[in-house]
Structure formats: structure tokens, C-alpha cells
Amino acid sequence: MNFLEKYGFVKEDIDEFMNNTPKKMIDELEKHSQLVETNLQYLKNLGTEVYKEIFINYPDMFLLDASTFENRFSQYEADELLKSLNNNFKVVEYL
């Protein structure tokens, strides 16, 4: 999961994630790391400050096909979406 460092995750974040995430999920994320990176980059480029929290709490979401992942966010007006996500990243559950 070292690829997460490219997205601003520090070693402590990665270690905590590894210790609190089922091995099967970690294996899937690593197996599809290119897709995970594409989706992480999309969220980061979107401008959300909470992309790390979203990844840590909803890692399965990052295994979605890139276009499906993007569509979950693009159906909302960007400014309102960012405001909502930055106030409470758990809003992502309802997208």
C-alpha cells in the first residue's frame, strides 16, 4: 500500500489502515492499485480535503470502475458537494 504515499498518506496513516482493514480488502486494493489510484486522484483533483478519510472509511468504494466512481460525484454541483464532503465525509454514503 506504499502507493498511498503519493497521495499524502503518511506511514502512520497507512499502518493504521493496514491494521484495521480486513486482509481480503487490502489484497483487492493492492491487486487493483491502478484503479484505486485513478479514483483517489479524481477525488483529490475534485478539491476535497477529506479524500484520505473517505478512502480509509470506504475503501471498497475505490474498487468501483473509474467512470462509475466519477459519476457518483459528478451528478452533484461541485461547490455544494465539496462543502458537504468537507463538513462531513460520511455524506459519501448517500451519493
PDB file of N, CA and C in Angstrom:
ATOM      1  N   MET A   1       0.823  -1.199   0.000  1.00  0.00           N
ATOM      2  CA  MET A   1       0.000   0.000   0.000  1.00  0.00           C
ATOM      3  C   MET A   1       0.870   1.267   0.000  1.00  0.00           C
ATOM      4  N   ASN A   2       2.117   1.102  -0.335  1.00  0.00           N
ATOM      5  CA  ASN A   2       3.020   2.253  -0.367  1.00  0.00           C
ATOM      6  C   ASN A   2       2.614   3.296  -1.393  1.00  0.00           C
ATOM      7  N   PHE A   3       1.827   2.894  -2.389  1.00  0.00           N
ATOM      8  CA  PHE A   3       1.388   3.856  -3.400  1.00  0.00           C
ATOM      9  C   PHE A   3       0.568   4.981  -2.777  1.00  0.00           C
ATOM     10  N   LEU A   4       0.024   4.754  -1.583  1.00  0.00           N
ATOM     11  CA  LEU A   4      -0.772   5.781  -0.909  1.00  0.00           C
ATOM     12  C   LEU A   4       0.065   7.001  -0.528  1.00  0.00           C
ATOM     13  N   GLU A   5       1.364   6.791  -0.368  1.00  0.00           N
ATOM     14  CA  GLU A   5       2.245   7.912  -0.023  1.00  0.00           C
ATOM     15  C   GLU A   5       2.218   8.997  -1.094  1.00  0.00           C
ATOM     16  N   LYS A   6       1.989   8.610  -2.349  1.00  0.00           N
ATOM     17  CA  LYS A   6       1.914   9.594  -3.445  1.00  0.00           C
ATOM     18  C   LYS A   6       0.727  10.536  -3.273  1.00  0.00           C
ATOM     19  N   TYR A   7      -0.215  10.131  -2.445  1.00  0.00           N
ATOM     20  CA  TYR A   7      -1.444  10.915  -2.266  1.00  0.00           C
ATOM     21  C   TYR A   7      -1.505  11.577  -0.888  1.00  0.00           C
ATOM     22  N   GLY A   8      -0.354  11.686  -0.239  1.00  0.00           N
ATOM     23  CA  GLY A   8      -0.277  12.421   1.007  1.00  0.00           C
ATOM     24  C   GLY A   8      -0.499  11.604   2.273  1.00  0.00           C
ATOM     25  N   PHE A   9      -0.662  10.293   2.133  1.00  0.00           N
ATOM     26  CA  PHE A   9      -0.800   9.454   3.315  1.00  0.00           C
ATOM     27  C   PHE A   9       0.572   9.290   3.954  1.00  0.00           C
ATOM     28  N   VAL A  10       0.638   9.462   5.258  1.00  0.00           N
ATOM     29  CA  VAL A  10       1.898   9.247   5.973  1.00  0.00           C
ATOM     30  C   VAL A  10       1.940   7.805   6.470  1.00  0.00           C
ATOM     31  N   LYS A  11       3.119   7.363   6.835  1.00  0.00           N
ATOM     32  CA  LYS A  11       3.321   5.970   7.250  1.00  0.00           C
ATOM     33  C   LYS A  11       2.349   5.563   8.358  1.00  0.00           C
ATOM     34  N   GLU A  12       2.115   6.444   9.311  1.00  0.00           N
ATOM     35  CA  GLU A  12       1.217   6.125  10.421  1.00  0.00           C
ATOM     36  C   GLU A  12      -0.214   5.884   9.918  1.00  0.00           C
ATOM     37  N   ASP A  13      -0.662   6.706   8.954  1.00  0.00           N
ATOM     38  CA  ASP A  13      -1.993   6.519   8.359  1.00  0.00           C
ATOM     39  C   ASP A  13      -2.093   5.156   7.684  1.00  0.00           C
ATOM     40  N   ILE A  14      -1.070   4.826   6.920  1.00  0.00           N
ATOM     41  CA  ILE A  14      -1.064   3.561   6.180  1.00  0.00           C
ATOM     42  C   ILE A  14      -1.032   2.382   7.149  1.00  0.00           C
ATOM     43  N   ASP A  15      -0.190   2.470   8.173  1.00  0.00           N
ATOM     44  CA  ASP A  15      -0.105   1.395   9.171  1.00  0.00           C
ATOM     45  C   ASP A  15      -1.435   1.194   9.878  1.00  0.00           C
ATOM     46  N   GLU A  16      -2.068   2.280  10.259  1.00  0.00           N
ATOM     47  CA  GLU A  16      -3.366   2.186  10.932  1.00  0.00           C
ATOM     48  C   GLU A  16      -4.409   1.572  10.002  1.00  0.00           C
ATOM     49  N   PHE A  17      -4.397   1.989   8.762  1.00  0.00           N
ATOM     50  CA  PHE A  17      -5.321   1.430   7.774  1.00  0.00           C
ATOM     51  C   PHE A  17      -5.090  -0.070   7.627  1.00  0.00           C
ATOM     52  N   MET A  18      -3.839  -0.470   7.506  1.00  0.00           N
ATOM     53  CA  MET A  18      -3.498  -1.890   7.335  1.00  0.00           C
ATOM     54  C   MET A  18      -3.935  -2.713   8.545  1.00  0.00           C
ATOM     55  N   ASN A  19      -3.804  -2.144   9.723  1.00  0.00           N
ATOM     56  CA  ASN A  19      -4.158  -2.865  10.949  1.00  0.00           C
ATOM     57  C   ASN A  19      -5.661  -2.949  11.188  1.00  0.00           C
ATOM     58  N   ASN A  20      -6.428  -2.071  10.565  1.00  0.00           N
ATOM     59  CA  ASN A  20      -7.870  -2.013  10.823  1.00  0.00           C
ATOM     60  C   ASN A  20      -8.734  -2.400   9.623  1.00  0.00           C
ATOM     61  N   THR A  21      -8.114  -2.911   8.587  1.00  0.00           N
ATOM     62  CA  THR A  21      -8.836  -3.279   7.375  1.00  0.00           C
ATOM     63  C   THR A  21      -8.638  -4.774   7.136  1.00  0.00           C
ATOM     64  N   PRO A  22      -9.715  -5.468   6.797  1.00  0.00           N
ATOM     65  CA  PRO A  22      -9.571  -6.910   6.532  1.00  0.00           C
ATOM     66  C   PRO A  22      -8.548  -7.194   5.438  1.00  0.00           C
ATOM     67  N   LYS A  23      -7.786  -8.265   5.629  1.00  0.00           N
ATOM     68  CA  LYS A  23      -6.743  -8.630   4.676  1.00  0.00           C
ATOM     69  C   LYS A  23      -7.299  -8.819   3.269  1.00  0.00           C
ATOM     70  N   LYS A  24      -8.475  -9.379   3.164  1.00  0.00           N
ATOM     71  CA  LYS A  24      -9.079  -9.597   1.843  1.00  0.00           C
ATOM     72  C   LYS A  24      -9.267  -8.262   1.106  1.00  0.00           C
ATOM     73  N   MET A  25      -9.691  -7.233   1.836  1.00  0.00           N
ATOM     74  CA  MET A  25      -9.870  -5.911   1.230  1.00  0.00           C
ATOM     75  C   MET A  25      -8.525  -5.331   0.819  1.00  0.00           C
ATOM     76  N   ILE A  26      -7.532  -5.457   1.666  1.00  0.00           N
ATOM     77  CA  ILE A  26      -6.194  -4.945   1.347  1.00  0.00           C
ATOM     78  C   ILE A  26      -5.657  -5.634   0.104  1.00  0.00           C
ATOM     79  N   ASP A  27      -5.846  -6.954   0.027  1.00  0.00           N
ATOM     80  CA  ASP A  27      -5.389  -7.701  -1.149  1.00  0.00           C
ATOM     81  C   ASP A  27      -6.066  -7.197  -2.418  1.00  0.00           C
ATOM     82  N   GLU A  28      -7.364  -6.937  -2.355  1.00  0.00           N
ATOM     83  CA  GLU A  28      -8.098  -6.433  -3.523  1.00  0.00           C
ATOM     84  C   GLU A  28      -7.612  -5.040  -3.918  1.00  0.00           C
ATOM     85  N   LEU A  29      -7.397  -4.194  -2.931  1.00  0.00           N
ATOM     86  CA  LEU A  29      -6.914  -2.842  -3.210  1.00  0.00           C
ATOM     87  C   LEU A  29      -5.543  -2.882  -3.871  1.00  0.00           C
ATOM     88  N   GLU A  30      -4.678  -3.750  -3.368  1.00  0.00           N
ATOM     89  CA  GLU A  30      -3.341  -3.861  -3.950  1.00  0.00           C
ATOM     90  C   GLU A  30      -3.405  -4.466  -5.351  1.00  0.00           C
ATOM     91  N   LYS A  31      -4.265  -5.449  -5.532  1.00  0.00           N
ATOM     92  CA  LYS A  31      -4.418  -6.097  -6.829  1.00  0.00           C
ATOM     93  C   LYS A  31      -4.895  -5.093  -7.888  1.00  0.00           C
ATOM     94  N   HIS A  32      -5.732  -4.160  -7.464  1.00  0.00           N
ATOM     95  CA  HIS A  32      -6.299  -3.158  -8.375  1.00  0.00           C
ATOM     96  C   HIS A  32      -5.769  -1.763  -8.047  1.00  0.00           C
ATOM     97  N   SER A  33      -4.512  -1.698  -7.692  1.00  0.00           N
ATOM     98  CA  SER A  33      -3.931  -0.427  -7.242  1.00  0.00           C
ATOM     99  C   SER A  33      -4.039   0.674  -8.286  1.00  0.00           C
ATOM    100  N   GLN A  34      -3.943   0.339  -9.562  1.00  0.00           N
ATOM    101  CA  GLN A  34      -4.053   1.351 -10.618  1.00  0.00           C
ATOM    102  C   GLN A  34      -5.437   2.008 -10.594  1.00  0.00           C
ATOM    103  N   LEU A  35      -6.465   1.190 -10.454  1.00  0.00           N
ATOM    104  CA  LEU A  35      -7.834   1.699 -10.363  1.00  0.00           C
ATOM    105  C   LEU A  35      -8.014   2.535  -9.099  1.00  0.00           C
ATOM    106  N   VAL A  36      -7.501   2.045  -7.990  1.00  0.00           N
ATOM    107  CA  VAL A  36      -7.590   2.767  -6.719  1.00  0.00           C
ATOM    108  C   VAL A  36      -6.913   4.131  -6.853  1.00  0.00           C
ATOM    109  N   GLU A  37      -5.751   4.148  -7.483  1.00  0.00           N
ATOM    110  CA  GLU A  37      -5.035   5.408  -7.673  1.00  0.00           C
ATOM    111  C   GLU A  37      -5.817   6.363  -8.565  1.00  0.00           C
ATOM    112  N   THR A  38      -6.429   5.844  -9.607  1.00  0.00           N
ATOM    113  CA  THR A  38      -7.236   6.679 -10.502  1.00  0.00           C
ATOM    114  C   THR A  38      -8.370   7.333  -9.720  1.00  0.00           C
ATOM    115  N   ASN A  39      -9.045   6.560  -8.894  1.00  0.00           N
ATOM    116  CA  ASN A  39     -10.169   7.087  -8.119  1.00  0.00           C
ATOM    117  C   ASN A  39      -9.700   8.043  -7.024  1.00  0.00           C
ATOM    118  N   LEU A  40      -8.576   7.739  -6.396  1.00  0.00           N
ATOM    119  CA  LEU A  40      -8.012   8.664  -5.406  1.00  0.00           C
ATOM    120  C   LEU A  40      -7.651   9.991  -6.060  1.00  0.00           C
ATOM    121  N   GLN A  41      -7.018   9.914  -7.215  1.00  0.00           N
ATOM    122  CA  GLN A  41      -6.618  11.136  -7.923  1.00  0.00           C
ATOM    123  C   GLN A  41      -7.839  11.959  -8.310  1.00  0.00           C
ATOM    124  N   TYR A  42      -8.902  11.293  -8.728  1.00  0.00           N
ATOM    125  CA  TYR A  42     -10.127  12.012  -9.080  1.00  0.00           C
ATOM    126  C   TYR A  42     -10.633  12.808  -7.874  1.00  0.00           C
ATOM    127  N   LEU A  43     -10.704  12.150  -6.714  1.00  0.00           N
ATOM    128  CA  LEU A  43     -11.191  12.852  -5.514  1.00  0.00           C
ATOM    129  C   LEU A  43     -10.272  13.991  -5.124  1.00  0.00           C
ATOM    130  N   LYS A  44      -8.989  13.749  -5.208  1.00  0.00           N
ATOM    131  CA  LYS A  44      -8.025  14.796  -4.861  1.00  0.00           C
ATOM    132  C   LYS A  44      -8.165  15.981  -5.817  1.00  0.00           C
ATOM    133  N   ASN A  45      -8.295  15.694  -7.108  1.00  0.00           N
ATOM    134  CA  ASN A  45      -8.452  16.751  -8.109  1.00  0.00           C
ATOM    135  C   ASN A  45      -9.771  17.494  -7.951  1.00  0.00           C
ATOM    136  N   LEU A  46     -10.759  16.802  -7.436  1.00  0.00           N
ATOM    137  CA  LEU A  46     -12.052  17.430  -7.194  1.00  0.00           C
ATOM    138  C   LEU A  46     -11.924  18.582  -6.202  1.00  0.00           C
ATOM    139  N   GLY A  47     -10.932  18.456  -5.317  1.00  0.00           N
ATOM    140  CA  GLY A  47     -10.668  19.526  -4.365  1.00  0.00           C
ATOM    141  C   GLY A  47     -11.120  19.232  -2.953  1.00  0.00           C
ATOM    142  N   THR A  48     -11.563  18.011  -2.700  1.00  0.00           N
ATOM    143  CA  THR A  48     -11.986  17.698  -1.342  1.00  0.00           C
ATOM    144  C   THR A  48     -10.786  17.559  -0.416  1.00  0.00           C
ATOM    145  N   GLU A  49     -10.966  18.042   0.787  1.00  0.00           N
ATOM    146  CA  GLU A  49      -9.910  17.973   1.792  1.00  0.00           C
ATOM    147  C   GLU A  49      -9.943  16.648   2.535  1.00  0.00           C
ATOM    148  N   VAL A  50     -10.984  15.865   2.325  1.00  0.00           N
ATOM    149  CA  VAL A  50     -11.199  14.660   3.136  1.00  0.00           C
ATOM    150  C   VAL A  50     -11.072  13.366   2.329  1.00  0.00           C
ATOM    151  N   TYR A  51     -10.335  13.417   1.222  1.00  0.00           N
ATOM    152  CA  TYR A  51     -10.204  12.221   0.394  1.00  0.00           C
ATOM    153  C   TYR A  51      -9.542  11.074   1.156  1.00  0.00           C
ATOM    154  N   LYS A  52      -8.625  11.382   2.075  1.00  0.00           N
ATOM    155  CA  LYS A  52      -7.970  10.330   2.871  1.00  0.00           C
ATOM    156  C   LYS A  52      -8.980   9.656   3.797  1.00  0.00           C
ATOM    157  N   GLU A  53      -9.801  10.452   4.452  1.00  0.00           N
ATOM    158  CA  GLU A  53     -10.812   9.899   5.352  1.00  0.00           C
ATOM    159  C   GLU A  53     -11.814   9.043   4.587  1.00  0.00           C
ATOM    160  N   ILE A  54     -12.175   9.501   3.388  1.00  0.00           N
ATOM    161  CA  ILE A  54     -13.105   8.727   2.559  1.00  0.00           C
ATOM    162  C   ILE A  54     -12.469   7.381   2.205  1.00  0.00           C
ATOM    163  N   PHE A  55     -11.205   7.406   1.801  1.00  0.00           N
ATOM    164  CA  PHE A  55     -10.525   6.159   1.450  1.00  0.00           C
ATOM    165  C   PHE A  55     -10.429   5.222   2.653  1.00  0.00           C
ATOM    166  N   ILE A  56     -10.017   5.734   3.778  1.00  0.00           N
ATOM    167  CA  ILE A  56      -9.828   4.902   4.972  1.00  0.00           C
ATOM    168  C   ILE A  56     -11.141   4.282   5.435  1.00  0.00           C
ATOM    169  N   ASN A  57     -12.222   5.025   5.351  1.00  0.00           N
ATOM    170  CA  ASN A  57     -13.504   4.539   5.856  1.00  0.00           C
ATOM    171  C   ASN A  57     -14.346   3.796   4.827  1.00  0.00           C
ATOM    172  N   TYR A  58     -14.094   4.027   3.541  1.00  0.00           N
ATOM    173  CA  TYR A  58     -14.878   3.402   2.472  1.00  0.00           C
ATOM    174  C   TYR A  58     -13.964   2.843   1.382  1.00  0.00           C
ATOM    175  N   PRO A  59     -13.019   1.984   1.745  1.00  0.00           N
ATOM    176  CA  PRO A  59     -12.054   1.514   0.743  1.00  0.00           C
ATOM    177  C   PRO A  59     -12.699   0.735  -0.403  1.00  0.00           C
ATOM    178  N   ASP A  60     -13.791   0.040  -0.128  1.00  0.00           N
ATOM    179  CA  ASP A  60     -14.452  -0.736  -1.174  1.00  0.00           C
ATOM    180  C   ASP A  60     -14.957   0.146  -2.309  1.00  0.00           C
ATOM    181  N   MET A  61     -15.276   1.379  -1.989  1.00  0.00           N
ATOM    182  CA  MET A  61     -15.761   2.317  -2.994  1.00  0.00           C
ATOM    183  C   MET A  61     -14.696   2.587  -4.069  1.00  0.00           C
ATOM    184  N   PHE A  62     -13.434   2.487  -3.695  1.00  0.00           N
ATOM    185  CA  PHE A  62     -12.337   2.789  -4.607  1.00  0.00           C
ATOM    186  C   PHE A  62     -12.052   1.642  -5.576  1.00  0.00           C
ATOM    187  N   LEU A  63     -12.796   0.559  -5.422  1.00  0.00           N
ATOM    188  CA  LEU A  63     -12.703  -0.560  -6.360  1.00  0.00           C
ATOM    189  C   LEU A  63     -13.755  -0.461  -7.465  1.00  0.00           C
ATOM    190  N   LEU A  64     -14.592   0.570  -7.380  1.00  0.00           N
ATOM    191  CA  LEU A  64     -15.570   0.804  -8.445  1.00  0.00           C
ATOM    192  C   LEU A  64     -14.855   1.196  -9.730  1.00  0.00           C
ATOM    193  N   ASP A  65     -15.421   0.806 -10.843  1.00  0.00           N
ATOM    194  CA  ASP A  65     -14.926   1.246 -12.143  1.00  0.00           C
ATOM    195  C   ASP A  65     -14.790   2.772 -12.105  1.00  0.00           C
ATOM    196  N   ALA A  66     -13.738   3.287 -12.710  1.00  0.00           N
ATOM    197  CA  ALA A  66     -13.448   4.726 -12.640  1.00  0.00           C
ATOM    198  C   ALA A  66     -14.620   5.590 -13.109  1.00  0.00           C
ATOM    199  N   SER A  67     -15.289   5.187 -14.174  1.00  0.00           N
ATOM    200  CA  SER A  67     -16.407   6.002 -14.667  1.00  0.00           C
ATOM    201  C   SER A  67     -17.592   5.950 -13.694  1.00  0.00           C
ATOM    202  N   THR A  68     -17.833   4.810 -13.092  1.00  0.00           N
ATOM    203  CA  THR A  68     -18.897   4.691 -12.091  1.00  0.00           C
ATOM    204  C   THR A  68     -18.564   5.540 -10.872  1.00  0.00           C
ATOM    205  N   PHE A  69     -17.316   5.468 -10.446  1.00  0.00           N
ATOM    206  CA  PHE A  69     -16.852   6.253  -9.308  1.00  0.00           C
ATOM    207  C   PHE A  69     -17.062   7.740  -9.578  1.00  0.00           C
ATOM    208  N   GLU A  70     -16.614   8.186 -10.737  1.00  0.00           N
ATOM    209  CA  GLU A  70     -16.736   9.598 -11.104  1.00  0.00           C
ATOM    210  C   GLU A  70     -18.200  10.028 -11.188  1.00  0.00           C
ATOM    211  N   ASN A  71     -19.036   9.174 -11.748  1.00  0.00           N
ATOM    212  CA  ASN A  71     -20.466   9.501 -11.883  1.00  0.00           C
ATOM    213  C   ASN A  71     -21.147   9.704 -10.538  1.00  0.00           C
ATOM    214  N   ARG A  72     -20.688   9.008  -9.509  1.00  0.00           N
ATOM    215  CA  ARG A  72     -21.277   9.183  -8.182  1.00  0.00           C
ATOM    216  C   ARG A  72     -21.111  10.616  -7.686  1.00  0.00           C
ATOM    217  N   PHE A  73     -20.034  11.249  -8.094  1.00  0.00           N
ATOM    218  CA  PHE A  73     -19.741  12.607  -7.637  1.00  0.00           C
ATOM    219  C   PHE A  73     -20.189  13.670  -8.627  1.00  0.00           C
ATOM    220  N   SER A  74     -20.090  13.375  -9.904  1.00  0.00           N
ATOM    221  CA  SER A  74     -20.339  14.402 -10.918  1.00  0.00           C
ATOM    222  C   SER A  74     -21.814  14.755 -11.082  1.00  0.00           C
ATOM    223  N   GLN A  75     -22.692  13.988 -10.503  1.00  0.00           N
ATOM    224  CA  GLN A  75     -24.121  14.306 -10.625  1.00  0.00           C
ATOM    225  C   GLN A  75     -24.543  15.449  -9.695  1.00  0.00           C
ATOM    226  N   TYR A  76     -23.616  15.910  -8.875  1.00  0.00           N
ATOM    227  CA  TYR A  76     -23.906  16.999  -7.940  1.00  0.00           C
ATOM    228  C   TYR A  76     -23.121  18.243  -8.323  1.00  0.00           C
ATOM    229  N   GLU A  77     -23.641  19.389  -7.964  1.00  0.00           N
ATOM    230  CA  GLU A  77     -22.959  20.652  -8.212  1.00  0.00           C
ATOM    231  C   GLU A  77     -21.680  20.680  -7.368  1.00  0.00           C
ATOM    232  N   ALA A  78     -20.559  20.929  -7.996  1.00  0.00           N
ATOM    233  CA  ALA A  78     -19.238  20.767  -7.384  1.00  0.00           C
ATOM    234  C   ALA A  78     -19.070  21.535  -6.069  1.00  0.00           C
ATOM    235  N   ASP A  79     -19.458  22.813  -6.046  1.00  0.00           N
ATOM    236  CA  ASP A  79     -19.260  23.616  -4.837  1.00  0.00           C
ATOM    237  C   ASP A  79     -20.047  23.060  -3.651  1.00  0.00           C
ATOM    238  N   GLU A  80     -21.298  22.698  -3.896  1.00  0.00           N
ATOM    239  CA  GLU A  80     -22.124  22.146  -2.818  1.00  0.00           C
ATOM    240  C   GLU A  80     -21.614  20.788  -2.365  1.00  0.00           C
ATOM    241  N   LEU A  81     -21.178  19.975  -3.316  1.00  0.00           N
ATOM    242  CA  LEU A  81     -20.636  18.661  -2.991  1.00  0.00           C
ATOM    243  C   LEU A  81     -19.402  18.792  -2.111  1.00  0.00           C
ATOM    244  N   LEU A  82     -18.484  19.665  -2.499  1.00  0.00           N
ATOM    245  CA  LEU A  82     -17.262  19.863  -1.721  1.00  0.00           C
ATOM    246  C   LEU A  82     -17.572  20.387  -0.332  1.00  0.00           C
ATOM    247  N   LYS A  83     -18.493  21.320  -0.249  1.00  0.00           N
ATOM    248  CA  LYS A  83     -18.876  21.868   1.048  1.00  0.00           C
ATOM    249  C   LYS A  83     -19.433  20.754   1.948  1.00  0.00           C
ATOM    250  N   SER A  84     -20.300  19.931   1.389  1.00  0.00           N
ATOM    251  CA  SER A  84     -20.899  18.838   2.161  1.00  0.00           C
ATOM    252  C   SER A  84     -19.854  17.816   2.581  1.00  0.00           C
ATOM    253  N   LEU A  85     -19.014  17.401   1.646  1.00  0.00           N
ATOM    254  CA  LEU A  85     -17.986  16.405   1.960  1.00  0.00           C
ATOM    255  C   LEU A  85     -16.996  16.926   2.991  1.00  0.00           C
ATOM    256  N   ASN A  86     -16.555  18.171   2.819  1.00  0.00           N
ATOM    257  CA  ASN A  86     -15.577  18.723   3.752  1.00  0.00           C
ATOM    258  C   ASN A  86     -16.163  18.934   5.143  1.00  0.00           C
ATOM    259  N   ASN A  87     -17.486  19.152   5.227  1.00  0.00           N
ATOM    260  CA  ASN A  87     -18.136  19.264   6.535  1.00  0.00           C
ATOM    261  C   ASN A  87     -18.293  17.907   7.203  1.00  0.00           C
ATOM    262  N   ASN A  88     -18.583  16.880   6.394  1.00  0.00           N
ATOM    263  CA  ASN A  88     -18.811  15.548   6.932  1.00  0.00           C
ATOM    264  C   ASN A  88     -18.577  14.530   5.822  1.00  0.00           C
ATOM    265  N   PHE A  89     -17.410  13.893   5.844  1.00  0.00           N
ATOM    266  CA  PHE A  89     -17.049  12.961   4.775  1.00  0.00           C
ATOM    267  C   PHE A  89     -18.019  11.785   4.671  1.00  0.00           C
ATOM    268  N   LYS A  90     -18.782  11.510   5.730  1.00  0.00           N
ATOM    269  CA  LYS A  90     -19.705  10.375   5.722  1.00  0.00           C
ATOM    270  C   LYS A  90     -20.882  10.584   4.775  1.00  0.00           C
ATOM    271  N   VAL A  91     -21.024  11.800   4.274  1.00  0.00           N
ATOM    272  CA  VAL A  91     -22.048  12.097   3.277  1.00  0.00           C
ATOM    273  C   VAL A  91     -21.845  11.222   2.041  1.00  0.00           C
ATOM    274  N   VAL A  92     -20.616  10.767   1.830  1.00  0.00           N
ATOM    275  CA  VAL A  92     -20.298   9.954   0.666  1.00  0.00           C
ATOM    276  C   VAL A  92     -21.166   8.689   0.623  1.00  0.00           C
ATOM    277  N   GLU A  93     -21.645   8.230   1.743  1.00  0.00           N
ATOM    278  CA  GLU A  93     -22.517   7.049   1.807  1.00  0.00           C
ATOM    279  C   GLU A  93     -23.795   7.255   1.008  1.00  0.00           C
ATOM    280  N   TYR A  94     -24.236   8.490   0.877  1.00  0.00           N
ATOM    281  CA  TYR A  94     -25.526   8.794   0.272  1.00  0.00           C
ATOM    282  C   TYR A  94     -25.421   9.217  -1.190  1.00  0.00           C
ATOM    283  N   LEU A  95     -24.236   9.180  -1.738  1.00  0.00           N
ATOM    284  CA  LEU A  95     -24.053   9.566  -3.137  1.00  0.00           C
ATOM    285  C   LEU A  95     -24.402   8.418  -4.046  1.00  0.00           C
TER     286      LEU A  95
END
